[in-house]
Amino acid sequence: MLALRNRLESGLKAISPHAVIFGEAAGRLPNTTLFAVEGMKAETAVIAFDLEGIAVSSGAACSSGKVQPSHVLAAMEISPALVRGAVRVSLGLEHRRGRCRTLSCRSEKAALYRGHSIAA
């Protein structure tokens, strides 16, 4: 799982050098990544990913189902713009390297749905 998560995160950063991986330097679950790109709204990204057949969630796991931004990210003193754009991806046993590559590629396509390249 850790190798897949690292591959996913590398792919996200390759698409956009401005991608922020929350908790990147901390010990964390090997199957989960929480990322944002400034200017990207989580609600829009979640819908765009869904249109591409990829299930993701907005915000931190403890904020699941809530409309408001994650209080955990706010407590970490993350900028409000990034908090509003946080997208969580959880990998499972059924995921393979190709699926992570697909997710990374579709991240850029999802951003283009709203007329904004995350590579900007």
N, C-alpha and C. Protein backbone atom coordinates (compact mmCIF):
# COMPACT_ATOMS: atom_id res chain seq x y z
N MET A 1 0.82 -1.20 0.00
CA MET A 1 0.00 0.00 0.00
C MET A 1 0.86 1.26 0.00
N LEU A 2 1.90 1.26 0.81
CA LEU A 2 2.75 2.44 0.92
C LEU A 2 3.35 2.81 -0.43
N ALA A 3 3.80 1.83 -1.16
CA ALA A 3 4.38 2.09 -2.49
C ALA A 3 3.34 2.70 -3.42
N LEU A 4 2.10 2.20 -3.37
CA LEU A 4 1.05 2.75 -4.21
C LEU A 4 0.73 4.19 -3.82
N ARG A 5 0.64 4.43 -2.51
CA ARG A 5 0.36 5.80 -2.06
C ARG A 5 1.46 6.74 -2.50
N ASN A 6 2.70 6.32 -2.36
CA ASN A 6 3.82 7.17 -2.77
C ASN A 6 3.79 7.43 -4.27
N ARG A 7 3.42 6.41 -5.03
CA ARG A 7 3.32 6.57 -6.49
C ARG A 7 2.20 7.56 -6.84
N LEU A 8 1.08 7.44 -6.17
CA LEU A 8 -0.03 8.36 -6.38
C LEU A 8 0.40 9.79 -6.07
N GLU A 9 1.03 9.99 -4.93
CA GLU A 9 1.43 11.33 -4.53
C GLU A 9 2.47 11.91 -5.48
N SER A 10 3.39 11.09 -5.95
CA SER A 10 4.38 11.54 -6.94
C SER A 10 3.68 11.97 -8.22
N GLY A 11 2.67 11.21 -8.62
CA GLY A 11 1.91 11.55 -9.82
C GLY A 11 1.17 12.85 -9.68
N LEU A 12 0.59 13.08 -8.51
CA LEU A 12 -0.12 14.34 -8.26
C LEU A 12 0.84 15.53 -8.33
N LYS A 13 2.01 15.36 -7.75
CA LYS A 13 3.00 16.45 -7.76
C LYS A 13 3.57 16.67 -9.15
N ALA A 14 3.65 15.60 -9.95
CA ALA A 14 4.14 15.75 -11.32
C ALA A 14 3.15 16.56 -12.15
N ILE A 15 1.87 16.36 -11.90
CA ILE A 15 0.84 17.11 -12.61
C ILE A 15 0.84 18.56 -12.18
N SER A 16 0.97 18.77 -10.88
CA SER A 16 0.99 20.13 -10.35
C SER A 16 2.04 20.26 -9.26
N PRO A 17 3.07 21.04 -9.52
CA PRO A 17 4.08 21.27 -8.49
C PRO A 17 3.49 22.01 -7.28
N HIS A 18 2.29 22.55 -7.44
CA HIS A 18 1.63 23.28 -6.36
C HIS A 18 0.74 22.36 -5.51
N ALA A 19 0.71 21.08 -5.84
CA ALA A 19 -0.09 20.15 -5.05
C ALA A 19 0.52 20.04 -3.65
N VAL A 20 -0.35 20.06 -2.66
CA VAL A 20 0.07 19.92 -1.27
C VAL A 20 -0.45 18.58 -0.76
N ILE A 21 0.45 17.78 -0.24
CA ILE A 21 0.09 16.50 0.38
C ILE A 21 0.11 16.75 1.89
N PHE A 22 -1.05 16.72 2.51
CA PHE A 22 -1.13 17.02 3.94
C PHE A 22 -0.50 15.89 4.75
N GLY A 23 0.32 16.26 5.73
CA GLY A 23 0.97 15.29 6.60
C GLY A 23 2.06 14.50 5.91
N GLU A 24 2.55 15.00 4.80
CA GLU A 24 3.52 14.26 3.99
C GLU A 24 4.74 13.82 4.79
N ALA A 25 5.22 14.66 5.68
CA ALA A 25 6.43 14.34 6.44
C ALA A 25 6.14 13.54 7.71
N ALA A 26 4.87 13.30 7.99
CA ALA A 26 4.48 12.60 9.22
C ALA A 26 4.19 11.13 8.96
N GLY A 27 4.28 10.34 10.01
CA GLY A 27 3.85 8.96 9.90
C GLY A 27 2.34 8.94 9.74
N ARG A 28 1.84 8.22 8.78
CA ARG A 28 0.39 8.19 8.51
C ARG A 28 0.01 6.87 7.88
N LEU A 29 -1.26 6.67 7.70
CA LEU A 29 -1.75 5.43 7.11
C LEU A 29 -1.14 5.23 5.72
N PRO A 30 -0.74 4.03 5.41
CA PRO A 30 -0.10 3.79 4.11
C PRO A 30 -1.07 3.79 2.93
N ASN A 31 -2.37 3.74 3.19
CA ASN A 31 -3.33 3.65 2.09
C ASN A 31 -4.12 4.92 1.84
N THR A 32 -3.77 6.00 2.52
CA THR A 32 -4.59 7.21 2.44
C THR A 32 -3.73 8.43 2.13
N THR A 33 -4.25 9.27 1.25
CA THR A 33 -3.60 10.55 1.00
C THR A 33 -4.66 11.64 1.00
N LEU A 34 -4.30 12.78 1.52
CA LEU A 34 -5.16 13.95 1.54
C LEU A 34 -4.38 15.05 0.86
N PHE A 35 -4.93 15.57 -0.23
CA PHE A 35 -4.19 16.57 -0.99
C PHE A 35 -5.09 17.73 -1.38
N ALA A 36 -4.46 18.82 -1.78
CA ALA A 36 -5.18 19.97 -2.30
C ALA A 36 -4.26 20.74 -3.24
N VAL A 37 -4.88 21.50 -4.09
CA VAL A 37 -4.18 22.44 -4.94
C VAL A 37 -4.90 23.76 -4.78
N GLU A 38 -4.17 24.81 -4.44
CA GLU A 38 -4.81 26.10 -4.22
C GLU A 38 -5.61 26.50 -5.45
N GLY A 39 -6.82 26.96 -5.21
CA GLY A 39 -7.71 27.35 -6.29
C GLY A 39 -8.67 26.25 -6.71
N MET A 40 -8.42 25.03 -6.25
CA MET A 40 -9.30 23.91 -6.57
C MET A 40 -10.29 23.74 -5.42
N LYS A 41 -11.58 23.70 -5.74
CA LYS A 41 -12.60 23.48 -4.72
C LYS A 41 -12.89 21.99 -4.61
N ALA A 42 -12.94 21.50 -3.38
CA ALA A 42 -13.13 20.07 -3.16
C ALA A 42 -14.44 19.56 -3.75
N GLU A 43 -15.53 20.32 -3.59
CA GLU A 43 -16.83 19.86 -4.09
C GLU A 43 -16.77 19.64 -5.60
N THR A 44 -16.16 20.56 -6.30
CA THR A 44 -16.05 20.46 -7.75
C THR A 44 -15.17 19.29 -8.13
N ALA A 45 -14.06 19.12 -7.41
CA ALA A 45 -13.14 18.02 -7.71
C ALA A 45 -13.80 16.67 -7.46
N VAL A 46 -14.54 16.54 -6.37
CA VAL A 46 -15.20 15.27 -6.05
C VAL A 46 -16.18 14.90 -7.16
N ILE A 47 -16.95 15.87 -7.63
CA ILE A 47 -17.90 15.61 -8.72
C ILE A 47 -17.16 15.23 -10.00
N ALA A 48 -16.08 15.96 -10.30
CA ALA A 48 -15.32 15.67 -11.52
C ALA A 48 -14.69 14.28 -11.46
N PHE A 49 -14.13 13.91 -10.30
CA PHE A 49 -13.58 12.57 -10.15
C PHE A 49 -14.67 11.52 -10.32
N ASP A 50 -15.84 11.78 -9.75
CA ASP A 50 -16.95 10.85 -9.86
C ASP A 50 -17.33 10.65 -11.33
N LEU A 51 -17.35 11.72 -12.09
CA LEU A 51 -17.65 11.61 -13.52
C LEU A 51 -16.62 10.76 -14.26
N GLU A 52 -15.41 10.68 -13.70
CA GLU A 52 -14.35 9.86 -14.27
C GLU A 52 -14.33 8.45 -13.69
N GLY A 53 -15.31 8.14 -12.81
CA GLY A 53 -15.39 6.81 -12.23
C GLY A 53 -14.48 6.57 -11.04
N ILE A 54 -14.03 7.65 -10.41
CA ILE A 54 -13.12 7.54 -9.27
C ILE A 54 -13.80 8.09 -8.03
N ALA A 55 -13.88 7.27 -6.99
CA ALA A 55 -14.51 7.68 -5.73
C ALA A 55 -13.48 8.29 -4.81
N VAL A 56 -13.69 9.53 -4.44
CA VAL A 56 -12.85 10.25 -3.48
C VAL A 56 -13.78 10.97 -2.52
N SER A 57 -13.21 11.54 -1.48
CA SER A 57 -13.99 12.31 -0.51
C SER A 57 -13.33 13.66 -0.31
N SER A 58 -14.09 14.59 0.18
CA SER A 58 -13.51 15.91 0.48
C SER A 58 -13.20 16.00 1.96
N GLY A 59 -12.09 16.61 2.27
CA GLY A 59 -11.71 16.84 3.67
C GLY A 59 -11.12 15.63 4.35
N ALA A 60 -10.84 15.80 5.61
CA ALA A 60 -10.25 14.74 6.42
C ALA A 60 -11.32 13.70 6.76
N ALA A 61 -10.88 12.51 7.11
CA ALA A 61 -11.82 11.41 7.40
C ALA A 61 -12.78 11.77 8.52
N CYS A 62 -12.31 12.50 9.52
CA CYS A 62 -13.19 12.84 10.65
C CYS A 62 -14.21 13.91 10.26
N SER A 63 -14.09 14.47 9.05
CA SER A 63 -15.05 15.47 8.57
C SER A 63 -16.01 14.87 7.55
N SER A 64 -15.89 13.58 7.31
CA SER A 64 -16.70 12.93 6.30
C SER A 64 -18.19 13.19 6.53
N GLY A 65 -18.87 13.57 5.47
CA GLY A 65 -20.30 13.83 5.56
C GLY A 65 -20.65 15.24 5.98
N LYS A 66 -19.66 16.03 6.31
CA LYS A 66 -19.92 17.41 6.73
C LYS A 66 -19.68 18.35 5.56
N VAL A 67 -20.43 19.43 5.52
CA VAL A 67 -20.29 20.40 4.45
C VAL A 67 -19.18 21.41 4.77
N GLN A 68 -18.96 21.65 6.03
CA GLN A 68 -17.96 22.65 6.42
C GLN A 68 -16.54 22.11 6.25
N PRO A 69 -15.57 23.03 6.10
CA PRO A 69 -14.18 22.61 5.97
C PRO A 69 -13.70 21.87 7.22
N SER A 70 -12.69 21.07 7.06
CA SER A 70 -12.15 20.25 8.14
C SER A 70 -11.58 21.11 9.27
N HIS A 71 -12.06 20.87 10.47
CA HIS A 71 -11.52 21.58 11.63
C HIS A 71 -10.11 21.09 11.95
N VAL A 72 -9.78 19.87 11.56
CA VAL A 72 -8.43 19.35 11.80
C VAL A 72 -7.42 20.11 10.95
N LEU A 73 -7.72 20.30 9.68
CA LEU A 73 -6.81 21.06 8.82
C LEU A 73 -6.70 22.50 9.28
N ALA A 74 -7.80 23.07 9.72
CA ALA A 74 -7.77 24.44 10.25
C ALA A 74 -6.87 24.51 11.48
N ALA A 75 -6.96 23.51 12.36
CA ALA A 75 -6.12 23.48 13.56
C ALA A 75 -4.64 23.32 13.20
N MET A 76 -4.38 22.72 12.05
CA MET A 76 -2.99 22.59 11.58
C MET A 76 -2.50 23.89 10.95
N GLU A 77 -3.36 24.91 10.98
CA GLU A 77 -3.07 26.24 10.42
C GLU A 77 -2.82 26.20 8.91
N ILE A 78 -3.57 25.34 8.25
CA ILE A 78 -3.54 25.27 6.79
C ILE A 78 -4.36 26.45 6.27
N SER A 79 -3.93 27.05 5.17
CA SER A 79 -4.65 28.19 4.63
C SER A 79 -6.08 27.79 4.27
N PRO A 80 -7.04 28.70 4.50
CA PRO A 80 -8.45 28.39 4.19
C PRO A 80 -8.66 27.95 2.73
N ALA A 81 -7.90 28.51 1.81
CA ALA A 81 -8.05 28.13 0.39
C ALA A 81 -7.70 26.66 0.19
N LEU A 82 -6.65 26.19 0.85
CA LEU A 82 -6.27 24.78 0.73
C LEU A 82 -7.25 23.88 1.48
N VAL A 83 -7.72 24.33 2.63
CA VAL A 83 -8.69 23.54 3.40
C VAL A 83 -9.94 23.29 2.57
N ARG A 84 -10.41 24.31 1.86
CA ARG A 84 -11.62 24.18 1.03
C ARG A 84 -11.41 23.25 -0.16
N GLY A 85 -10.16 22.99 -0.51
CA GLY A 85 -9.88 22.15 -1.67
C GLY A 85 -9.37 20.76 -1.34
N ALA A 86 -9.39 20.39 -0.07
CA ALA A 86 -8.82 19.10 0.34
C ALA A 86 -9.63 17.92 -0.20
N VAL A 87 -8.93 16.98 -0.83
CA VAL A 87 -9.53 15.77 -1.39
C VAL A 87 -8.79 14.57 -0.81
N ARG A 88 -9.56 13.61 -0.30
CA ARG A 88 -8.99 12.41 0.33
C ARG A 88 -9.18 11.21 -0.58
N VAL A 89 -8.09 10.46 -0.76
CA VAL A 89 -8.11 9.24 -1.56
C VAL A 89 -7.69 8.09 -0.65
N SER A 90 -8.50 7.06 -0.62
CA SER A 90 -8.17 5.85 0.15
C SER A 90 -7.98 4.71 -0.83
N LEU A 91 -6.84 4.06 -0.72
CA LEU A 91 -6.52 2.93 -1.59
C LEU A 91 -6.87 1.63 -0.89
N GLY A 92 -7.30 0.66 -1.65
CA GLY A 92 -7.64 -0.65 -1.09
C GLY A 92 -6.84 -1.74 -1.77
N LEU A 93 -7.08 -2.96 -1.35
CA LEU A 93 -6.35 -4.10 -1.91
C LEU A 93 -6.58 -4.27 -3.41
N GLU A 94 -7.72 -3.79 -3.90
CA GLU A 94 -8.02 -3.94 -5.33
C GLU A 94 -7.26 -2.95 -6.20
N HIS A 95 -6.62 -1.97 -5.61
CA HIS A 95 -5.88 -0.98 -6.39
C HIS A 95 -4.52 -1.52 -6.80
N ARG A 96 -4.14 -1.12 -7.97
CA ARG A 96 -2.84 -1.51 -8.52
C ARG A 96 -2.16 -0.26 -9.05
N ARG A 97 -0.94 -0.43 -9.47
CA ARG A 97 -0.18 0.72 -9.97
C ARG A 97 -0.91 1.45 -11.09
N GLY A 98 -1.51 0.70 -11.98
CA GLY A 98 -2.22 1.32 -13.10
C GLY A 98 -3.36 2.20 -12.64
N ARG A 99 -4.05 1.77 -11.59
CA ARG A 99 -5.17 2.55 -11.07
C ARG A 99 -4.68 3.87 -10.48
N CYS A 100 -3.54 3.86 -9.82
CA CYS A 100 -2.97 5.10 -9.27
C CYS A 100 -2.55 6.03 -10.39
N ARG A 101 -1.98 5.47 -11.44
CA ARG A 101 -1.60 6.28 -12.59
C ARG A 101 -2.85 6.89 -13.22
N THR A 102 -3.91 6.10 -13.33
CA THR A 102 -5.18 6.59 -13.86
C THR A 102 -5.71 7.73 -13.01
N LEU A 103 -5.66 7.56 -11.69
CA LEU A 103 -6.13 8.62 -10.79
C LEU A 103 -5.33 9.89 -10.98
N SER A 104 -4.02 9.78 -11.08
CA SER A 104 -3.18 10.95 -11.28
C SER A 104 -3.52 11.65 -12.60
N CYS A 105 -3.66 10.86 -13.66
CA CYS A 105 -3.99 11.45 -14.97
C CYS A 105 -5.36 12.10 -14.94
N ARG A 106 -6.30 11.45 -14.30
CA ARG A 106 -7.66 12.00 -14.26
C ARG A 106 -7.76 13.19 -13.32
N SER A 107 -6.79 13.36 -12.44
CA SER A 107 -6.76 14.55 -11.58
C SER A 107 -6.68 15.79 -12.45
N GLU A 108 -5.81 15.73 -13.44
CA GLU A 108 -5.67 16.87 -14.33
C GLU A 108 -6.93 17.06 -15.16
N LYS A 109 -7.49 15.98 -15.68
CA LYS A 109 -8.71 16.08 -16.48
C LYS A 109 -9.86 16.62 -15.62
N ALA A 110 -9.95 16.17 -14.37
CA ALA A 110 -11.00 16.64 -13.47
C ALA A 110 -10.88 18.14 -13.25
N ALA A 111 -9.65 18.62 -13.12
CA ALA A 111 -9.45 20.06 -12.93
C ALA A 111 -9.88 20.83 -14.17
N LEU A 112 -9.68 20.22 -15.34
CA LEU A 112 -10.04 20.90 -16.58
C LEU A 112 -11.55 21.02 -16.76
N TYR A 113 -12.35 20.17 -16.09
CA TYR A 113 -13.80 20.27 -16.16
C TYR A 113 -14.26 21.65 -15.71
N ARG A 114 -13.55 22.24 -14.79
CA ARG A 114 -13.96 23.54 -14.29
C ARG A 114 -13.12 24.66 -14.89
N GLY A 115 -12.38 24.36 -15.96
CA GLY A 115 -11.66 25.39 -16.69
C GLY A 115 -10.39 25.85 -16.01
N HIS A 116 -9.80 24.99 -15.20
CA HIS A 116 -8.58 25.38 -14.48
C HIS A 116 -7.61 24.23 -14.51
N SER A 117 -6.42 24.48 -14.97
CA SER A 117 -5.41 23.44 -14.96
C SER A 117 -4.73 23.43 -13.60
N ILE A 118 -4.63 22.27 -12.96
CA ILE A 118 -3.97 22.23 -11.66
C ILE A 118 -2.47 22.37 -11.81
N ALA A 119 -2.00 22.36 -13.05
CA ALA A 119 -0.58 22.54 -13.28
C ALA A 119 -0.19 24.02 -13.27
N ALA A 120 -1.16 24.89 -13.23
CA ALA A 120 -0.88 26.33 -13.28
C ALA A 120 -0.19 26.81 -12.03
